[in-house]
Every structure is written in C-alpha cells, then in structure tokens.
Amino acid sequence: MTLVAWGPQVNVLVKAADLALADGITCQVIDLRTLLPWDQQLVCDSVTKTGRLIVSHEAPVTSGFAAEISAKVQQECFLSLEV
C-alpha cells in the first residue's frame, strides 16, 4: 500500500509501515517534501503499483491538502485502485 504524508506525519507513517510489515503487509512511504509543487508522478506511480492509498495529515477535516492528493489519484489511477 502507498502511504503519503509530509512534516511530522511522516514519522507516524513510518511506524505504521513497520507495524504492517510485522503482519506481512508491505508499504511504500512517500514523504512529500514540498506541497507546491507536489510530486504527482511519484504518488501515482506508487498507487498504480500498490493499488491502495492512505494520506495522513494534520489539518482540518474538510478542505485539507489530502483532498487534492486523493482527487488527483482518483483522476489518474482509478483503474489501478483495489477494492
């Protein structure tokens, strides 16, 4: 699965990826070092490979940057997403 975060949330996802690995689930953690521009190609390539995406961020429930990432992945990788 693809895990995307920036800032302090990256450490949270690295720990989550380690816990998942203990259960046999492999994760690719992507640290978005910049949000404008953000590396859309890297995220989409990873999601196409893994079929799954989790975006973690410290932000309001609505109108957060994760919505932008999710919308782009939906637009570009829809047929690669697993149910």
PDB file of N, CA and C in Angstrom:
ATOM      1  N   MET A   1       0.841  -1.161   0.000  1.00  0.00           N
ATOM      2  CA  MET A   1       0.000   0.000   0.000  1.00  0.00           C
ATOM      3  C   MET A   1       0.891   1.231   0.000  1.00  0.00           C
ATOM      4  N   THR A   2       0.374   2.317  -0.497  1.00  0.00           N
ATOM      5  CA  THR A   2       1.100   3.580  -0.548  1.00  0.00           C
ATOM      6  C   THR A   2       0.643   4.456   0.611  1.00  0.00           C
ATOM      7  N   LEU A   3       1.597   4.957   1.372  1.00  0.00           N
ATOM      8  CA  LEU A   3       1.321   5.859   2.485  1.00  0.00           C
ATOM      9  C   LEU A   3       1.968   7.199   2.170  1.00  0.00           C
ATOM     10  N   VAL A   4       1.188   8.262   2.184  1.00  0.00           N
ATOM     11  CA  VAL A   4       1.681   9.596   1.825  1.00  0.00           C
ATOM     12  C   VAL A   4       1.480  10.547   3.000  1.00  0.00           C
ATOM     13  N   ALA A   5       2.525  11.311   3.299  1.00  0.00           N
ATOM     14  CA  ALA A   5       2.446  12.318   4.360  1.00  0.00           C
ATOM     15  C   ALA A   5       3.512  13.370   4.120  1.00  0.00           C
ATOM     16  N   TRP A   6       3.484  14.393   4.971  1.00  0.00           N
ATOM     17  CA  TRP A   6       4.511  15.438   4.970  1.00  0.00           C
ATOM     18  C   TRP A   6       4.648  15.918   6.401  1.00  0.00           C
ATOM     19  N   GLY A   7       5.787  16.512   6.689  1.00  0.00           N
ATOM     20  CA  GLY A   7       6.020  17.029   8.040  1.00  0.00           C
ATOM     21  C   GLY A   7       6.060  15.912   9.074  1.00  0.00           C
ATOM     22  N   PRO A   8       5.588  16.205  10.292  1.00  0.00           N
ATOM     23  CA  PRO A   8       5.667  15.234  11.389  1.00  0.00           C
ATOM     24  C   PRO A   8       4.905  13.935  11.131  1.00  0.00           C
ATOM     25  N   GLN A   9       3.921  13.962  10.257  1.00  0.00           N
ATOM     26  CA  GLN A   9       3.139  12.757   9.994  1.00  0.00           C
ATOM     27  C   GLN A   9       3.951  11.670   9.304  1.00  0.00           C
ATOM     28  N   VAL A  10       5.059  12.035   8.694  1.00  0.00           N
ATOM     29  CA  VAL A  10       5.900  11.026   8.050  1.00  0.00           C
ATOM     30  C   VAL A  10       6.383  10.018   9.094  1.00  0.00           C
ATOM     31  N   ASN A  11       6.794  10.498  10.258  1.00  0.00           N
ATOM     32  CA  ASN A  11       7.251   9.595  11.313  1.00  0.00           C
ATOM     33  C   ASN A  11       6.137   8.648  11.755  1.00  0.00           C
ATOM     34  N   VAL A  12       4.926   9.144  11.811  1.00  0.00           N
ATOM     35  CA  VAL A  12       3.777   8.307  12.174  1.00  0.00           C
ATOM     36  C   VAL A  12       3.598   7.194  11.142  1.00  0.00           C
ATOM     37  N   LEU A  13       3.700   7.535   9.861  1.00  0.00           N
ATOM     38  CA  LEU A  13       3.515   6.531   8.816  1.00  0.00           C
ATOM     39  C   LEU A  13       4.659   5.537   8.753  1.00  0.00           C
ATOM     40  N   VAL A  14       5.857   5.965   9.057  1.00  0.00           N
ATOM     41  CA  VAL A  14       6.986   5.024   9.094  1.00  0.00           C
ATOM     42  C   VAL A  14       6.744   3.975  10.184  1.00  0.00           C
ATOM     43  N   LYS A  15       6.271   4.411  11.338  1.00  0.00           N
ATOM     44  CA  LYS A  15       5.948   3.468  12.417  1.00  0.00           C
ATOM     45  C   LYS A  15       4.809   2.547  12.000  1.00  0.00           C
ATOM     46  N   ALA A  16       3.793   3.104  11.337  1.00  0.00           N
ATOM     47  CA  ALA A  16       2.668   2.289  10.864  1.00  0.00           C
ATOM     48  C   ALA A  16       3.135   1.262   9.835  1.00  0.00           C
ATOM     49  N   ALA A  17       4.043   1.665   8.953  1.00  0.00           N
ATOM     50  CA  ALA A  17       4.573   0.742   7.952  1.00  0.00           C
ATOM     51  C   ALA A  17       5.348  -0.396   8.618  1.00  0.00           C
ATOM     52  N   ASP A  18       6.087  -0.077   9.661  1.00  0.00           N
ATOM     53  CA  ASP A  18       6.813  -1.117  10.403  1.00  0.00           C
ATOM     54  C   ASP A  18       5.853  -2.104  11.049  1.00  0.00           C
ATOM     55  N   LEU A  19       4.780  -1.605  11.634  1.00  0.00           N
ATOM     56  CA  LEU A  19       3.772  -2.479  12.244  1.00  0.00           C
ATOM     57  C   LEU A  19       3.084  -3.342  11.182  1.00  0.00           C
ATOM     58  N   ALA A  20       2.790  -2.756  10.040  1.00  0.00           N
ATOM     59  CA  ALA A  20       2.152  -3.510   8.961  1.00  0.00           C
ATOM     60  C   ALA A  20       3.079  -4.603   8.441  1.00  0.00           C
ATOM     61  N   LEU A  21       4.356  -4.289   8.338  1.00  0.00           N
ATOM     62  CA  LEU A  21       5.327  -5.278   7.862  1.00  0.00           C
ATOM     63  C   LEU A  21       5.372  -6.490   8.781  1.00  0.00           C
ATOM     64  N   ALA A  22       5.214  -6.262  10.080  1.00  0.00           N
ATOM     65  CA  ALA A  22       5.182  -7.374  11.038  1.00  0.00           C
ATOM     66  C   ALA A  22       4.013  -8.312  10.746  1.00  0.00           C
ATOM     67  N   ASP A  23       2.959  -7.786  10.099  1.00  0.00           N
ATOM     68  CA  ASP A  23       1.802  -8.596   9.708  1.00  0.00           C
ATOM     69  C   ASP A  23       1.871  -9.045   8.246  1.00  0.00           C
ATOM     70  N   GLY A  24       3.020  -8.812   7.601  1.00  0.00           N
ATOM     71  CA  GLY A  24       3.198  -9.254   6.227  1.00  0.00           C
ATOM     72  C   GLY A  24       2.679  -8.298   5.172  1.00  0.00           C
ATOM     73  N   ILE A  25       2.377  -7.073   5.558  1.00  0.00           N
ATOM     74  CA  ILE A  25       1.878  -6.069   4.611  1.00  0.00           C
ATOM     75  C   ILE A  25       3.004  -5.098   4.296  1.00  0.00           C
ATOM     76  N   THR A  26       3.357  -4.981   3.041  1.00  0.00           N
ATOM     77  CA  THR A  26       4.417  -4.058   2.658  1.00  0.00           C
ATOM     78  C   THR A  26       3.818  -2.712   2.282  1.00  0.00           C
ATOM     79  N   CYS A  27       4.520  -1.668   2.670  1.00  0.00           N
ATOM     80  CA  CYS A  27       4.067  -0.299   2.415  1.00  0.00           C
ATOM     81  C   CYS A  27       5.189   0.514   1.812  1.00  0.00           C
ATOM     82  N   GLN A  28       4.827   1.411   0.940  1.00  0.00           N
ATOM     83  CA  GLN A  28       5.766   2.394   0.417  1.00  0.00           C
ATOM     84  C   GLN A  28       5.386   3.730   1.038  1.00  0.00           C
ATOM     85  N   VAL A  29       6.293   4.288   1.830  1.00  0.00           N
ATOM     86  CA  VAL A  29       6.046   5.577   2.478  1.00  0.00           C
ATOM     87  C   VAL A  29       6.623   6.682   1.597  1.00  0.00           C
ATOM     88  N   ILE A  30       5.793   7.648   1.269  1.00  0.00           N
ATOM     89  CA  ILE A  30       6.225   8.792   0.462  1.00  0.00           C
ATOM     90  C   ILE A  30       6.159  10.045   1.320  1.00  0.00           C
ATOM     91  N   ASP A  31       7.289  10.707   1.446  1.00  0.00           N
ATOM     92  CA  ASP A  31       7.398  11.968   2.173  1.00  0.00           C
ATOM     93  C   ASP A  31       7.333  13.101   1.158  1.00  0.00           C
ATOM     94  N   LEU A  32       6.216  13.810   1.130  1.00  0.00           N
ATOM     95  CA  LEU A  32       6.103  14.961   0.238  1.00  0.00           C
ATOM     96  C   LEU A  32       6.843  16.131   0.875  1.00  0.00           C
ATOM     97  N   ARG A  33       8.005  16.406   0.401  1.00  0.00           N
ATOM     98  CA  ARG A  33       8.820  17.473   0.986  1.00  0.00           C
ATOM     99  C   ARG A  33       8.326  18.852   0.570  1.00  0.00           C
ATOM    100  N   THR A  34       7.630  18.906  -0.556  1.00  0.00           N
ATOM    101  CA  THR A  34       7.010  20.168  -0.980  1.00  0.00           C
ATOM    102  C   THR A  34       5.563  19.888  -1.367  1.00  0.00           C
ATOM    103  N   LEU A  35       4.696  20.851  -1.117  1.00  0.00           N
ATOM    104  CA  LEU A  35       3.297  20.708  -1.487  1.00  0.00           C
ATOM    105  C   LEU A  35       2.948  21.507  -2.734  1.00  0.00           C
ATOM    106  N   LEU A  36       3.733  22.512  -3.032  1.00  0.00           N
ATOM    107  CA  LEU A  36       3.569  23.274  -4.267  1.00  0.00           C
ATOM    108  C   LEU A  36       4.921  23.447  -4.917  1.00  0.00           C
ATOM    109  N   PRO A  37       5.273  22.690  -5.887  1.00  0.00           N
ATOM    110  CA  PRO A  37       4.504  21.594  -6.461  1.00  0.00           C
ATOM    111  C   PRO A  37       4.695  20.307  -5.650  1.00  0.00           C
ATOM    112  N   TRP A  38       3.731  19.420  -5.712  1.00  0.00           N
ATOM    113  CA  TRP A  38       3.894  18.107  -5.090  1.00  0.00           C
ATOM    114  C   TRP A  38       4.150  17.084  -6.185  1.00  0.00           C
ATOM    115  N   ASP A  39       4.834  16.021  -5.834  1.00  0.00           N
ATOM    116  CA  ASP A  39       5.286  15.041  -6.824  1.00  0.00           C
ATOM    117  C   ASP A  39       4.145  14.091  -7.196  1.00  0.00           C
ATOM    118  N   GLN A  40       3.284  14.559  -8.078  1.00  0.00           N
ATOM    119  CA  GLN A  40       2.125  13.777  -8.505  1.00  0.00           C
ATOM    120  C   GLN A  40       2.541  12.476  -9.182  1.00  0.00           C
ATOM    121  N   GLN A  41       3.586  12.540  -9.989  1.00  0.00           N
ATOM    122  CA  GLN A  41       4.020  11.357 -10.725  1.00  0.00           C
ATOM    123  C   GLN A  41       4.491  10.255  -9.782  1.00  0.00           C
ATOM    124  N   LEU A  42       5.264  10.620  -8.760  1.00  0.00           N
ATOM    125  CA  LEU A  42       5.737   9.640  -7.784  1.00  0.00           C
ATOM    126  C   LEU A  42       4.578   8.959  -7.073  1.00  0.00           C
ATOM    127  N   VAL A  43       3.610   9.749  -6.618  1.00  0.00           N
ATOM    128  CA  VAL A  43       2.450   9.202  -5.907  1.00  0.00           C
ATOM    129  C   VAL A  43       1.633   8.321  -6.839  1.00  0.00           C
ATOM    130  N   CYS A  44       1.340   8.776  -8.033  1.00  0.00           N
ATOM    131  CA  CYS A  44       0.544   7.990  -8.967  1.00  0.00           C
ATOM    132  C   CYS A  44       1.259   6.707  -9.386  1.00  0.00           C
ATOM    133  N   ASP A  45       2.553   6.766  -9.595  1.00  0.00           N
ATOM    134  CA  ASP A  45       3.308   5.546  -9.927  1.00  0.00           C
ATOM    135  C   ASP A  45       3.220   4.528  -8.797  1.00  0.00           C
ATOM    136  N   SER A  46       3.341   5.000  -7.570  1.00  0.00           N
ATOM    137  CA  SER A  46       3.263   4.107  -6.421  1.00  0.00           C
ATOM    138  C   SER A  46       1.869   3.508  -6.271  1.00  0.00           C
ATOM    139  N   VAL A  47       0.841   4.320  -6.417  1.00  0.00           N
ATOM    140  CA  VAL A  47      -0.534   3.829  -6.284  1.00  0.00           C
ATOM    141  C   VAL A  47      -0.860   2.836  -7.399  1.00  0.00           C
ATOM    142  N   THR A  48      -0.362   3.093  -8.588  1.00  0.00           N
ATOM    143  CA  THR A  48      -0.567   2.155  -9.693  1.00  0.00           C
ATOM    144  C   THR A  48       0.063   0.806  -9.351  1.00  0.00           C
ATOM    145  N   LYS A  49       1.204   0.844  -8.700  1.00  0.00           N
ATOM    146  CA  LYS A  49       1.909  -0.385  -8.302  1.00  0.00           C
ATOM    147  C   LYS A  49       1.204  -1.097  -7.148  1.00  0.00           C
ATOM    148  N   THR A  50       0.784  -0.348  -6.129  1.00  0.00           N
ATOM    149  CA  THR A  50       0.252  -0.960  -4.910  1.00  0.00           C
ATOM    150  C   THR A  50      -1.259  -1.148  -4.930  1.00  0.00           C
ATOM    151  N   GLY A  51      -1.976  -0.276  -5.637  1.00  0.00           N
ATOM    152  CA  GLY A  51      -3.428  -0.371  -5.705  1.00  0.00           C
ATOM    153  C   GLY A  51      -4.161   0.231  -4.519  1.00  0.00           C
ATOM    154  N   ARG A  52      -3.412   0.784  -3.571  1.00  0.00           N
ATOM    155  CA  ARG A  52      -4.033   1.341  -2.364  1.00  0.00           C
ATOM    156  C   ARG A  52      -3.317   2.623  -1.939  1.00  0.00           C
ATOM    157  N   LEU A  53      -4.071   3.526  -1.290  1.00  0.00           N
ATOM    158  CA  LEU A  53      -3.500   4.800  -0.861  1.00  0.00           C
ATOM    159  C   LEU A  53      -4.069   5.210   0.492  1.00  0.00           C
ATOM    160  N   ILE A  54      -3.175   5.633   1.361  1.00  0.00           N
ATOM    161  CA  ILE A  54      -3.562   6.289   2.614  1.00  0.00           C
ATOM    162  C   ILE A  54      -2.794   7.602   2.669  1.00  0.00           C
ATOM    163  N   VAL A  55      -3.510   8.703   2.901  1.00  0.00           N
ATOM    164  CA  VAL A  55      -2.889  10.012   3.069  1.00  0.00           C
ATOM    165  C   VAL A  55      -3.133  10.443   4.510  1.00  0.00           C
ATOM    166  N   SER A  56      -2.075  10.810   5.202  1.00  0.00           N
ATOM    167  CA  SER A  56      -2.180  11.230   6.596  1.00  0.00           C
ATOM    168  C   SER A  56      -1.660  12.654   6.719  1.00  0.00           C
ATOM    169  N   HIS A  57      -2.461  13.506   7.366  1.00  0.00           N
ATOM    170  CA  HIS A  57      -2.017  14.888   7.544  1.00  0.00           C
ATOM    171  C   HIS A  57      -2.661  15.502   8.776  1.00  0.00           C
ATOM    172  N   GLU A  58      -1.994  16.494   9.302  1.00  0.00           N
ATOM    173  CA  GLU A  58      -2.543  17.256  10.425  1.00  0.00           C
ATOM    174  C   GLU A  58      -3.199  18.498   9.848  1.00  0.00           C
ATOM    175  N   ALA A  59      -4.503  18.423   9.700  1.00  0.00           N
ATOM    176  CA  ALA A  59      -5.216  19.535   9.078  1.00  0.00           C
ATOM    177  C   ALA A  59      -6.691  19.422   9.436  1.00  0.00           C
ATOM    178  N   PRO A  60      -7.473  20.409   9.057  1.00  0.00           N
ATOM    179  CA  PRO A  60      -8.908  20.330   9.286  1.00  0.00           C
ATOM    180  C   PRO A  60      -9.511  19.111   8.576  1.00  0.00           C
ATOM    181  N   VAL A  61     -10.636  18.680   9.063  1.00  0.00           N
ATOM    182  CA  VAL A  61     -11.315  17.532   8.466  1.00  0.00           C
ATOM    183  C   VAL A  61     -11.715  17.830   7.022  1.00  0.00           C
ATOM    184  N   THR A  62     -12.139  19.050   6.744  1.00  0.00           N
ATOM    185  CA  THR A  62     -12.524  19.413   5.381  1.00  0.00           C
ATOM    186  C   THR A  62     -11.507  20.382   4.798  1.00  0.00           C
ATOM    187  N   SER A  63     -11.401  20.341   3.493  1.00  0.00           N
ATOM    188  CA  SER A  63     -10.543  21.256   2.732  1.00  0.00           C
ATOM    189  C   SER A  63      -9.056  21.093   3.030  1.00  0.00           C
ATOM    190  N   GLY A  64      -8.635  19.937   3.453  1.00  0.00           N
ATOM    191  CA  GLY A  64      -7.217  19.674   3.677  1.00  0.00           C
ATOM    192  C   GLY A  64      -6.530  19.327   2.363  1.00  0.00           C
ATOM    193  N   PHE A  65      -5.206  19.348   2.361  1.00  0.00           N
ATOM    194  CA  PHE A  65      -4.457  19.059   1.144  1.00  0.00           C
ATOM    195  C   PHE A  65      -4.608  17.602   0.719  1.00  0.00           C
ATOM    196  N   ALA A  66      -4.938  16.735   1.656  1.00  0.00           N
ATOM    197  CA  ALA A  66      -5.154  15.326   1.311  1.00  0.00           C
ATOM    198  C   ALA A  66      -6.270  15.177   0.279  1.00  0.00           C
ATOM    199  N   ALA A  67      -7.230  16.087   0.293  1.00  0.00           N
ATOM    200  CA  ALA A  67      -8.311  16.045  -0.695  1.00  0.00           C
ATOM    201  C   ALA A  67      -7.764  16.262  -2.100  1.00  0.00           C
ATOM    202  N   GLU A  68      -6.777  17.130  -2.229  1.00  0.00           N
ATOM    203  CA  GLU A  68      -6.144  17.362  -3.529  1.00  0.00           C
ATOM    204  C   GLU A  68      -5.433  16.108  -4.021  1.00  0.00           C
ATOM    205  N   ILE A  69      -4.704  15.474  -3.115  1.00  0.00           N
ATOM    206  CA  ILE A  69      -3.977  14.254  -3.474  1.00  0.00           C
ATOM    207  C   ILE A  69      -4.965  13.156  -3.863  1.00  0.00           C
ATOM    208  N   SER A  70      -5.988  12.970  -3.058  1.00  0.00           N
ATOM    209  CA  SER A  70      -6.990  11.934  -3.329  1.00  0.00           C
ATOM    210  C   SER A  70      -7.699  12.171  -4.662  1.00  0.00           C
ATOM    211  N   ALA A  71      -8.035  13.413  -4.946  1.00  0.00           N
ATOM    212  CA  ALA A  71      -8.711  13.734  -6.202  1.00  0.00           C
ATOM    213  C   ALA A  71      -7.821  13.428  -7.400  1.00  0.00           C
ATOM    214  N   LYS A  72      -6.554  13.770  -7.311  1.00  0.00           N
ATOM    215  CA  LYS A  72      -5.622  13.516  -8.413  1.00  0.00           C
ATOM    216  C   LYS A  72      -5.428  12.025  -8.620  1.00  0.00           C
ATOM    217  N   VAL A  73      -5.278  11.283  -7.527  1.00  0.00           N
ATOM    218  CA  VAL A  73      -5.111   9.828  -7.640  1.00  0.00           C
ATOM    219  C   VAL A  73      -6.365   9.207  -8.248  1.00  0.00           C
ATOM    220  N   GLN A  74      -7.528   9.656  -7.827  1.00  0.00           N
ATOM    221  CA  GLN A  74      -8.787   9.158  -8.389  1.00  0.00           C
ATOM    222  C   GLN A  74      -8.836   9.434  -9.889  1.00  0.00           C
ATOM    223  N   GLN A  75      -8.414  10.609 -10.281  1.00  0.00           N
ATOM    224  CA  GLN A  75      -8.445  11.010 -11.686  1.00  0.00           C
ATOM    225  C   GLN A  75      -7.453  10.203 -12.527  1.00  0.00           C
ATOM    226  N   GLU A  76      -6.251   9.994 -12.013  1.00  0.00           N
ATOM    227  CA  GLU A  76      -5.177   9.387 -12.791  1.00  0.00           C
ATOM    228  C   GLU A  76      -5.059   7.871 -12.625  1.00  0.00           C
ATOM    229  N   CYS A  77      -5.481   7.336 -11.491  1.00  0.00           N
ATOM    230  CA  CYS A  77      -5.199   5.931 -11.167  1.00  0.00           C
ATOM    231  C   CYS A  77      -6.442   5.107 -10.880  1.00  0.00           C
ATOM    232  N   PHE A  78      -7.600   5.573 -11.247  1.00  0.00           N
ATOM    233  CA  PHE A  78      -8.851   4.920 -10.866  1.00  0.00           C
ATOM    234  C   PHE A  78      -8.857   3.418 -11.176  1.00  0.00           C
ATOM    235  N   LEU A  79      -8.433   3.048 -12.360  1.00  0.00           N
ATOM    236  CA  LEU A  79      -8.489   1.641 -12.750  1.00  0.00           C
ATOM    237  C   LEU A  79      -7.443   0.780 -12.055  1.00  0.00           C
ATOM    238  N   SER A  80      -6.480   1.399 -11.390  1.00  0.00           N
ATOM    239  CA  SER A  80      -5.458   0.656 -10.654  1.00  0.00           C
ATOM    240  C   SER A  80      -5.810   0.445  -9.191  1.00  0.00           C
ATOM    241  N   LEU A  81      -6.818   1.148  -8.701  1.00  0.00           N
ATOM    242  CA  LEU A  81      -7.178   1.050  -7.280  1.00  0.00           C
ATOM    243  C   LEU A  81      -7.877  -0.269  -6.993  1.00  0.00           C
ATOM    244  N   GLU A  82      -7.487  -0.897  -5.896  1.00  0.00           N
ATOM    245  CA  GLU A  82      -8.099  -2.154  -5.461  1.00  0.00           C
ATOM    246  C   GLU A  82      -9.345  -1.848  -4.640  1.00  0.00           C
ATOM    247  N   VAL A  83     -10.252  -2.786  -4.628  1.00  0.00           N
ATOM    248  CA  VAL A  83     -11.480  -2.638  -3.848  1.00  0.00           C
ATOM    249  C   VAL A  83     -11.217  -2.954  -2.402  1.00  0.00           C
TER     250      VAL A  83
END
